[in-house]
């Protein structure tokens, strides 16, 4: 599986120490240079490939700036260029834009559930990470979504 990450999933997975676990579940992880720029001083593990967008994709990103951030647009453009299996976005508007362009989208929650499905994280670990992310690190998940996630994790 080939995925392209946006900034917030990198930050959230970093807070849970799960980037290394993610590398065990996918074949290739790529980020556009714009995402790296948004991360600032935060470093990425060596297995994350930093990619430069084509001239056409860079022009698209610059022309589309507005309601979406540069990193989100660049991640979407890179996913298209690479024919990625998934672009990883948490922002609802960015997710809708990517889906409108025909891309498959997954978010931080989906990646944590994938790690559980691939037996790299227990259900208890996923639930604890989501609890920490929502209570301590600014991730918003609706109460209804939390109920759905809990059911997926703990009810066969």
N, C-alpha and C. Protein backbone atom coordinates (compact mmCIF):
# COMPACT_ATOMS: atom_id res chain seq x y z
N UNK A 1 0.85 -1.18 0.00
CA UNK A 1 0.00 0.00 0.00
C UNK A 1 0.90 1.24 0.00
N UNK A 2 0.57 2.19 -0.85
CA UNK A 2 1.31 3.43 -1.01
C UNK A 2 0.43 4.58 -0.52
N UNK A 3 0.93 5.34 0.48
CA UNK A 3 0.13 6.43 1.03
C UNK A 3 0.91 7.75 0.99
N UNK A 4 0.16 8.85 0.96
CA UNK A 4 0.72 10.19 1.05
C UNK A 4 0.14 10.84 2.29
N UNK A 5 1.01 11.34 3.15
CA UNK A 5 0.59 11.95 4.42
C UNK A 5 0.53 13.46 4.34
N UNK A 6 -0.46 14.02 5.00
CA UNK A 6 -0.55 15.45 5.24
C UNK A 6 0.04 15.74 6.62
N UNK A 7 0.10 16.99 6.99
CA UNK A 7 0.79 17.42 8.21
C UNK A 7 0.14 16.89 9.49
N UNK A 8 -1.16 17.08 9.68
CA UNK A 8 -1.78 16.72 10.96
C UNK A 8 -1.66 15.23 11.27
N UNK A 9 -1.84 14.31 10.33
CA UNK A 9 -1.63 12.90 10.68
C UNK A 9 -0.20 12.60 11.14
N UNK A 10 0.78 13.29 10.56
CA UNK A 10 2.16 13.09 11.00
C UNK A 10 2.31 13.55 12.44
N UNK A 11 1.75 14.71 12.74
CA UNK A 11 1.85 15.25 14.10
C UNK A 11 1.15 14.31 15.09
N UNK A 12 -0.08 13.92 14.77
CA UNK A 12 -0.83 13.04 15.69
C UNK A 12 -0.16 11.68 15.85
N UNK A 13 0.31 11.08 14.76
CA UNK A 13 0.99 9.78 14.87
C UNK A 13 2.32 9.92 15.61
N UNK A 14 2.96 11.07 15.47
CA UNK A 14 4.18 11.31 16.23
C UNK A 14 3.92 11.38 17.72
N UNK A 15 2.81 12.00 18.10
CA UNK A 15 2.46 12.12 19.52
C UNK A 15 2.16 10.75 20.13
N UNK A 16 1.70 9.81 19.32
CA UNK A 16 1.40 8.47 19.81
C UNK A 16 2.55 7.50 19.57
N UNK A 17 3.64 8.00 18.99
CA UNK A 17 4.80 7.15 18.67
C UNK A 17 4.44 6.03 17.69
N UNK A 18 3.51 6.32 16.77
CA UNK A 18 3.01 5.28 15.86
C UNK A 18 3.53 5.38 14.43
N UNK A 19 4.37 6.34 14.12
CA UNK A 19 4.88 6.41 12.75
C UNK A 19 5.66 5.16 12.39
N UNK A 20 6.47 4.67 13.32
CA UNK A 20 7.23 3.44 13.07
C UNK A 20 6.30 2.24 12.88
N UNK A 21 5.22 2.22 13.64
CA UNK A 21 4.24 1.14 13.51
C UNK A 21 3.57 1.21 12.14
N UNK A 22 3.26 2.42 11.69
CA UNK A 22 2.65 2.60 10.37
C UNK A 22 3.54 2.03 9.28
N UNK A 23 4.84 2.21 9.43
CA UNK A 23 5.78 1.72 8.41
C UNK A 23 5.72 0.20 8.28
N UNK A 24 5.27 -0.49 9.31
CA UNK A 24 5.12 -1.95 9.26
C UNK A 24 3.84 -2.37 8.55
N UNK A 25 2.95 -1.41 8.30
CA UNK A 25 1.63 -1.73 7.73
C UNK A 25 1.47 -1.30 6.28
N UNK A 26 2.37 -0.48 5.78
CA UNK A 26 2.26 0.01 4.40
C UNK A 26 3.61 -0.18 3.70
N UNK A 27 3.57 -0.15 2.36
CA UNK A 27 4.79 -0.34 1.59
C UNK A 27 5.58 0.94 1.42
N UNK A 28 4.88 2.05 1.22
CA UNK A 28 5.56 3.31 0.95
C UNK A 28 4.79 4.46 1.58
N UNK A 29 5.54 5.36 2.25
CA UNK A 29 4.97 6.57 2.84
C UNK A 29 5.69 7.76 2.20
N UNK A 30 4.91 8.65 1.60
CA UNK A 30 5.48 9.83 0.95
C UNK A 30 4.83 11.08 1.51
N UNK A 31 5.59 12.17 1.49
CA UNK A 31 5.06 13.49 1.83
C UNK A 31 5.63 14.49 0.83
N UNK A 32 4.82 15.48 0.47
CA UNK A 32 5.36 16.55 -0.37
C UNK A 32 6.23 17.49 0.46
N UNK A 33 7.13 18.17 -0.19
CA UNK A 33 8.02 19.11 0.48
C UNK A 33 7.24 20.14 1.29
N UNK A 34 6.07 20.54 0.80
CA UNK A 34 5.26 21.55 1.50
C UNK A 34 4.84 21.07 2.89
N UNK A 35 4.57 19.78 3.02
CA UNK A 35 4.22 19.23 4.34
C UNK A 35 5.43 19.28 5.25
N UNK A 36 6.58 18.93 4.74
CA UNK A 36 7.80 19.01 5.53
C UNK A 36 8.03 20.46 6.00
N UNK A 37 7.78 21.41 5.12
CA UNK A 37 7.92 22.82 5.48
C UNK A 37 6.96 23.20 6.60
N UNK A 38 5.73 22.69 6.55
CA UNK A 38 4.74 22.99 7.59
C UNK A 38 5.14 22.39 8.94
N UNK A 39 5.86 21.28 8.90
CA UNK A 39 6.27 20.62 10.15
C UNK A 39 7.35 21.41 10.88
N UNK A 40 8.04 22.28 10.18
CA UNK A 40 9.06 23.10 10.82
C UNK A 40 10.23 22.26 11.32
N UNK A 41 10.46 22.31 12.63
CA UNK A 41 11.62 21.62 13.22
C UNK A 41 11.41 20.13 13.42
N UNK A 42 10.19 19.67 13.26
CA UNK A 42 9.90 18.26 13.48
C UNK A 42 10.55 17.43 12.38
N UNK A 43 11.31 16.42 12.78
CA UNK A 43 11.99 15.59 11.78
C UNK A 43 11.15 14.36 11.46
N UNK A 44 11.39 13.81 10.29
CA UNK A 44 10.68 12.62 9.84
C UNK A 44 11.63 11.43 9.84
N UNK A 45 11.10 10.24 10.12
CA UNK A 45 11.94 9.05 10.04
C UNK A 45 12.43 8.83 8.60
N UNK A 46 13.52 8.11 8.46
CA UNK A 46 14.13 7.88 7.15
C UNK A 46 13.22 7.15 6.17
N UNK A 47 12.28 6.35 6.68
CA UNK A 47 11.42 5.59 5.77
C UNK A 47 10.35 6.45 5.09
N UNK A 48 10.18 7.70 5.54
CA UNK A 48 9.23 8.61 4.90
C UNK A 48 9.96 9.31 3.74
N UNK A 49 9.43 9.13 2.55
CA UNK A 49 10.05 9.71 1.36
C UNK A 49 9.50 11.12 1.12
N UNK A 50 10.40 12.07 1.01
CA UNK A 50 10.01 13.46 0.74
C UNK A 50 10.07 13.66 -0.77
N UNK A 51 8.96 14.09 -1.34
CA UNK A 51 8.83 14.22 -2.80
C UNK A 51 8.60 15.67 -3.19
N UNK A 52 9.14 16.03 -4.33
CA UNK A 52 8.91 17.34 -4.93
C UNK A 52 7.83 17.20 -5.98
N UNK A 53 6.87 18.11 -5.95
CA UNK A 53 5.78 18.07 -6.94
C UNK A 53 6.29 18.47 -8.32
N UNK A 54 5.60 17.98 -9.33
CA UNK A 54 5.89 18.41 -10.69
C UNK A 54 5.56 19.89 -10.83
N UNK A 55 6.04 20.51 -11.88
CA UNK A 55 5.77 21.92 -12.12
C UNK A 55 4.26 22.16 -12.24
N UNK A 56 3.56 21.27 -12.94
CA UNK A 56 2.12 21.43 -13.12
C UNK A 56 1.38 21.32 -11.78
N UNK A 57 1.78 20.36 -10.95
CA UNK A 57 1.12 20.21 -9.65
C UNK A 57 1.43 21.38 -8.73
N UNK A 58 2.65 21.88 -8.79
CA UNK A 58 3.01 23.05 -7.98
C UNK A 58 2.17 24.26 -8.38
N UNK A 59 1.97 24.42 -9.67
CA UNK A 59 1.14 25.53 -10.16
C UNK A 59 -0.30 25.36 -9.69
N UNK A 60 -0.80 24.13 -9.71
CA UNK A 60 -2.15 23.86 -9.23
C UNK A 60 -2.28 24.25 -7.76
N UNK A 61 -1.29 23.84 -6.95
CA UNK A 61 -1.33 24.13 -5.52
C UNK A 61 -1.37 25.65 -5.29
N UNK A 62 -0.50 26.37 -5.95
CA UNK A 62 -0.45 27.83 -5.78
C UNK A 62 -1.76 28.49 -6.24
N UNK A 63 -2.33 27.98 -7.31
CA UNK A 63 -3.57 28.55 -7.84
C UNK A 63 -4.79 28.21 -7.01
N UNK A 64 -4.72 27.12 -6.24
CA UNK A 64 -5.88 26.67 -5.48
C UNK A 64 -5.86 27.12 -4.02
N UNK A 65 -4.79 27.78 -3.59
CA UNK A 65 -4.72 28.21 -2.19
C UNK A 65 -5.93 29.06 -1.83
N UNK A 66 -6.40 28.87 -0.64
CA UNK A 66 -7.58 29.59 -0.18
C UNK A 66 -8.10 28.92 1.06
N UNK A 67 -9.15 28.14 0.89
CA UNK A 67 -9.75 27.48 2.05
C UNK A 67 -8.93 26.29 2.53
N UNK A 68 -8.13 25.72 1.65
CA UNK A 68 -7.25 24.62 2.04
C UNK A 68 -5.83 25.14 2.18
N UNK A 69 -5.08 24.52 3.07
CA UNK A 69 -3.68 24.89 3.28
C UNK A 69 -2.81 24.32 2.17
N UNK A 70 -1.63 24.89 2.05
CA UNK A 70 -0.70 24.44 1.01
C UNK A 70 -0.33 22.97 1.18
N UNK A 71 -0.11 22.54 2.41
CA UNK A 71 0.24 21.14 2.66
C UNK A 71 -0.85 20.18 2.23
N UNK A 72 -2.10 20.53 2.53
CA UNK A 72 -3.23 19.68 2.13
C UNK A 72 -3.31 19.57 0.61
N UNK A 73 -3.23 20.72 -0.06
CA UNK A 73 -3.30 20.71 -1.52
C UNK A 73 -2.12 19.95 -2.13
N UNK A 74 -0.95 20.12 -1.55
CA UNK A 74 0.23 19.42 -2.06
C UNK A 74 0.12 17.91 -1.84
N UNK A 75 -0.42 17.51 -0.69
CA UNK A 75 -0.61 16.07 -0.44
C UNK A 75 -1.60 15.48 -1.44
N UNK A 76 -2.66 16.21 -1.72
CA UNK A 76 -3.65 15.76 -2.71
C UNK A 76 -2.99 15.64 -4.09
N UNK A 77 -2.24 16.66 -4.47
CA UNK A 77 -1.57 16.66 -5.79
C UNK A 77 -0.55 15.53 -5.89
N UNK A 78 0.21 15.31 -4.83
CA UNK A 78 1.20 14.24 -4.84
C UNK A 78 0.53 12.87 -4.92
N UNK A 79 -0.57 12.70 -4.20
CA UNK A 79 -1.30 11.43 -4.26
C UNK A 79 -1.76 11.15 -5.69
N UNK A 80 -2.18 12.20 -6.38
CA UNK A 80 -2.57 12.02 -7.79
C UNK A 80 -1.37 11.64 -8.63
N UNK A 81 -0.26 12.34 -8.45
CA UNK A 81 0.94 12.06 -9.24
C UNK A 81 1.44 10.64 -9.05
N UNK A 82 1.40 10.18 -7.82
CA UNK A 82 1.94 8.85 -7.49
C UNK A 82 0.92 7.73 -7.66
N UNK A 83 -0.31 8.09 -7.98
CA UNK A 83 -1.41 7.10 -7.99
C UNK A 83 -1.43 6.35 -6.67
N UNK A 84 -1.34 7.11 -5.58
CA UNK A 84 -1.30 6.52 -4.24
C UNK A 84 -2.60 5.78 -3.94
N UNK A 85 -2.48 4.77 -3.11
CA UNK A 85 -3.67 4.04 -2.68
C UNK A 85 -4.55 4.91 -1.79
N UNK A 86 -3.91 5.75 -0.96
CA UNK A 86 -4.65 6.64 -0.07
C UNK A 86 -3.89 7.93 0.13
N UNK A 87 -4.63 9.03 0.27
CA UNK A 87 -4.08 10.27 0.77
C UNK A 87 -4.62 10.41 2.18
N UNK A 88 -3.74 10.74 3.12
CA UNK A 88 -4.11 10.77 4.53
C UNK A 88 -4.36 12.21 4.96
N UNK A 89 -5.65 12.52 5.19
CA UNK A 89 -6.10 13.87 5.52
C UNK A 89 -7.09 13.80 6.67
N UNK A 90 -7.00 14.73 7.60
CA UNK A 90 -7.97 14.78 8.69
C UNK A 90 -9.02 15.88 8.48
N UNK A 91 -8.66 16.94 7.82
CA UNK A 91 -9.56 18.07 7.60
C UNK A 91 -10.70 17.68 6.66
N UNK A 92 -11.93 17.94 7.08
CA UNK A 92 -13.11 17.53 6.31
C UNK A 92 -13.14 18.15 4.91
N UNK A 93 -12.86 19.43 4.81
CA UNK A 93 -12.88 20.09 3.51
C UNK A 93 -11.82 19.50 2.57
N UNK A 94 -10.64 19.24 3.10
CA UNK A 94 -9.58 18.62 2.30
C UNK A 94 -9.98 17.21 1.87
N UNK A 95 -10.61 16.48 2.76
CA UNK A 95 -11.07 15.12 2.43
C UNK A 95 -12.09 15.16 1.29
N UNK A 96 -13.02 16.10 1.38
CA UNK A 96 -14.04 16.23 0.33
C UNK A 96 -13.41 16.59 -1.01
N UNK A 97 -12.43 17.49 -0.99
CA UNK A 97 -11.74 17.90 -2.22
C UNK A 97 -11.03 16.69 -2.84
N UNK A 98 -10.33 15.92 -2.03
CA UNK A 98 -9.61 14.75 -2.52
C UNK A 98 -10.58 13.72 -3.10
N UNK A 99 -11.68 13.48 -2.41
CA UNK A 99 -12.68 12.53 -2.91
C UNK A 99 -13.29 13.02 -4.21
N UNK A 100 -13.54 14.31 -4.30
CA UNK A 100 -14.09 14.89 -5.53
C UNK A 100 -13.14 14.65 -6.71
N UNK A 101 -11.85 14.61 -6.42
CA UNK A 101 -10.84 14.36 -7.45
C UNK A 101 -10.62 12.86 -7.71
N UNK A 102 -11.38 12.03 -7.03
CA UNK A 102 -11.30 10.59 -7.27
C UNK A 102 -10.28 9.85 -6.43
N UNK A 103 -9.76 10.51 -5.40
CA UNK A 103 -8.78 9.86 -4.53
C UNK A 103 -9.46 9.13 -3.38
N UNK A 104 -8.81 8.07 -2.92
CA UNK A 104 -9.26 7.39 -1.71
C UNK A 104 -8.61 8.10 -0.52
N UNK A 105 -9.43 8.35 0.50
CA UNK A 105 -8.98 9.13 1.65
C UNK A 105 -9.08 8.29 2.91
N UNK A 106 -8.09 8.47 3.76
CA UNK A 106 -8.11 7.88 5.10
C UNK A 106 -7.55 8.95 6.02
N UNK A 107 -7.86 8.88 7.30
CA UNK A 107 -7.36 9.86 8.25
C UNK A 107 -6.53 9.19 9.34
N UNK A 108 -6.17 9.95 10.33
CA UNK A 108 -5.39 9.41 11.44
C UNK A 108 -6.12 8.26 12.11
N UNK A 109 -7.42 8.44 12.34
CA UNK A 109 -8.22 7.38 12.97
C UNK A 109 -8.17 6.11 12.11
N UNK A 110 -8.35 6.27 10.82
CA UNK A 110 -8.31 5.12 9.92
C UNK A 110 -6.97 4.41 9.95
N UNK A 111 -5.89 5.18 10.06
CA UNK A 111 -4.56 4.55 10.14
C UNK A 111 -4.40 3.76 11.44
N UNK A 112 -4.88 4.33 12.54
CA UNK A 112 -4.81 3.60 13.81
C UNK A 112 -5.64 2.32 13.76
N UNK A 113 -6.81 2.39 13.13
CA UNK A 113 -7.63 1.18 12.97
C UNK A 113 -6.95 0.17 12.06
N UNK A 114 -6.26 0.65 11.02
CA UNK A 114 -5.50 -0.24 10.14
C UNK A 114 -4.39 -0.95 10.92
N UNK A 115 -3.71 -0.22 11.78
CA UNK A 115 -2.65 -0.83 12.59
C UNK A 115 -3.21 -1.90 13.52
N UNK A 116 -4.43 -1.67 14.00
CA UNK A 116 -5.09 -2.68 14.82
C UNK A 116 -5.47 -3.89 13.96
N UNK A 117 -6.03 -3.63 12.80
CA UNK A 117 -6.44 -4.72 11.91
C UNK A 117 -5.24 -5.58 11.48
N UNK A 118 -4.09 -4.94 11.33
CA UNK A 118 -2.87 -5.66 10.93
C UNK A 118 -2.11 -6.21 12.14
N UNK A 119 -2.75 -6.17 13.31
CA UNK A 119 -2.21 -6.75 14.54
C UNK A 119 -0.90 -6.10 14.99
N UNK A 120 -0.78 -4.80 14.76
CA UNK A 120 0.39 -4.05 15.21
C UNK A 120 0.07 -3.25 16.47
N UNK A 121 -1.22 -2.96 16.68
CA UNK A 121 -1.68 -2.29 17.89
C UNK A 121 -2.89 -3.05 18.42
N UNK A 122 -3.01 -3.12 19.73
CA UNK A 122 -4.19 -3.74 20.32
C UNK A 122 -5.34 -2.74 20.29
N UNK A 123 -6.55 -3.23 20.47
CA UNK A 123 -7.71 -2.35 20.54
C UNK A 123 -7.56 -1.37 21.70
N UNK A 124 -7.02 -1.85 22.81
CA UNK A 124 -6.82 -1.01 23.97
C UNK A 124 -5.83 0.13 23.68
N UNK A 125 -4.76 -0.20 22.94
CA UNK A 125 -3.79 0.84 22.59
C UNK A 125 -4.41 1.90 21.69
N UNK A 126 -5.16 1.46 20.68
CA UNK A 126 -5.81 2.41 19.78
C UNK A 126 -6.75 3.31 20.57
N UNK A 127 -7.55 2.74 21.43
CA UNK A 127 -8.50 3.53 22.21
C UNK A 127 -7.76 4.53 23.10
N UNK A 128 -6.68 4.10 23.74
CA UNK A 128 -5.91 4.99 24.60
C UNK A 128 -5.28 6.13 23.78
N UNK A 129 -4.75 5.82 22.61
CA UNK A 129 -4.17 6.85 21.75
C UNK A 129 -5.23 7.87 21.33
N UNK A 130 -6.40 7.39 20.94
CA UNK A 130 -7.46 8.30 20.52
C UNK A 130 -7.93 9.17 21.70
N UNK A 131 -8.01 8.57 22.86
CA UNK A 131 -8.39 9.31 24.06
C UNK A 131 -7.36 10.40 24.34
N UNK A 132 -6.08 10.05 24.28
CA UNK A 132 -5.02 11.02 24.51
C UNK A 132 -5.05 12.13 23.46
N UNK A 133 -5.21 11.75 22.20
CA UNK A 133 -5.20 12.74 21.12
C UNK A 133 -6.37 13.73 21.26
N UNK A 134 -7.54 13.23 21.65
CA UNK A 134 -8.69 14.12 21.76
C UNK A 134 -8.66 14.94 23.05
N UNK A 135 -8.14 14.39 24.11
CA UNK A 135 -8.17 15.10 25.39
C UNK A 135 -6.95 15.98 25.62
N UNK A 136 -5.82 15.63 25.01
CA UNK A 136 -4.59 16.36 25.31
C UNK A 136 -3.94 17.05 24.12
N UNK A 137 -4.29 16.65 22.91
CA UNK A 137 -3.53 17.13 21.75
C UNK A 137 -4.37 17.81 20.67
N UNK A 138 -5.61 18.13 20.98
CA UNK A 138 -6.40 18.96 20.07
C UNK A 138 -7.08 18.26 18.91
N UNK A 139 -7.07 16.96 18.87
CA UNK A 139 -7.82 16.27 17.81
C UNK A 139 -9.29 16.29 18.18
N UNK A 140 -10.14 16.64 17.21
CA UNK A 140 -11.57 16.63 17.48
C UNK A 140 -12.21 15.42 16.80
N UNK A 141 -12.92 14.65 17.59
CA UNK A 141 -13.76 13.56 17.08
C UNK A 141 -15.11 13.71 17.77
N UNK A 142 -16.17 13.66 17.00
CA UNK A 142 -17.50 13.83 17.58
C UNK A 142 -17.79 12.67 18.55
N UNK A 143 -18.65 12.93 19.53
CA UNK A 143 -19.03 11.85 20.45
C UNK A 143 -19.60 10.64 19.70
N UNK A 144 -20.38 10.88 18.66
CA UNK A 144 -20.96 9.77 17.89
C UNK A 144 -19.86 8.94 17.21
N UNK A 145 -18.85 9.62 16.68
CA UNK A 145 -17.75 8.90 16.04
C UNK A 145 -16.96 8.10 17.08
N UNK A 146 -16.76 8.65 18.26
CA UNK A 146 -16.06 7.92 19.32
C UNK A 146 -16.82 6.64 19.68
N UNK A 147 -18.14 6.72 19.74
CA UNK A 147 -18.95 5.53 20.03
C UNK A 147 -18.76 4.49 18.92
N UNK A 148 -18.80 4.93 17.67
CA UNK A 148 -18.63 4.03 16.53
C UNK A 148 -17.25 3.36 16.57
N UNK A 149 -16.23 4.14 16.85
CA UNK A 149 -14.87 3.59 16.91
C UNK A 149 -14.76 2.57 18.03
N UNK A 150 -15.32 2.90 19.17
CA UNK A 150 -15.26 1.97 20.31
C UNK A 150 -15.96 0.65 19.98
N UNK A 151 -17.10 0.74 19.29
CA UNK A 151 -17.79 -0.47 18.89
C UNK A 151 -16.95 -1.29 17.91
N UNK A 152 -16.31 -0.62 16.94
CA UNK A 152 -15.45 -1.34 15.98
C UNK A 152 -14.30 -2.05 16.68
N UNK A 153 -13.74 -1.39 17.68
CA UNK A 153 -12.59 -1.94 18.35
C UNK A 153 -12.92 -3.09 19.30
N UNK A 154 -14.04 -2.97 20.01
CA UNK A 154 -14.30 -3.91 21.10
C UNK A 154 -15.46 -4.86 20.89
N UNK A 155 -16.22 -4.68 19.81
CA UNK A 155 -17.33 -5.59 19.55
C UNK A 155 -17.10 -6.29 18.22
N UNK A 156 -17.02 -7.62 18.26
CA UNK A 156 -16.75 -8.36 17.01
C UNK A 156 -17.85 -8.27 15.98
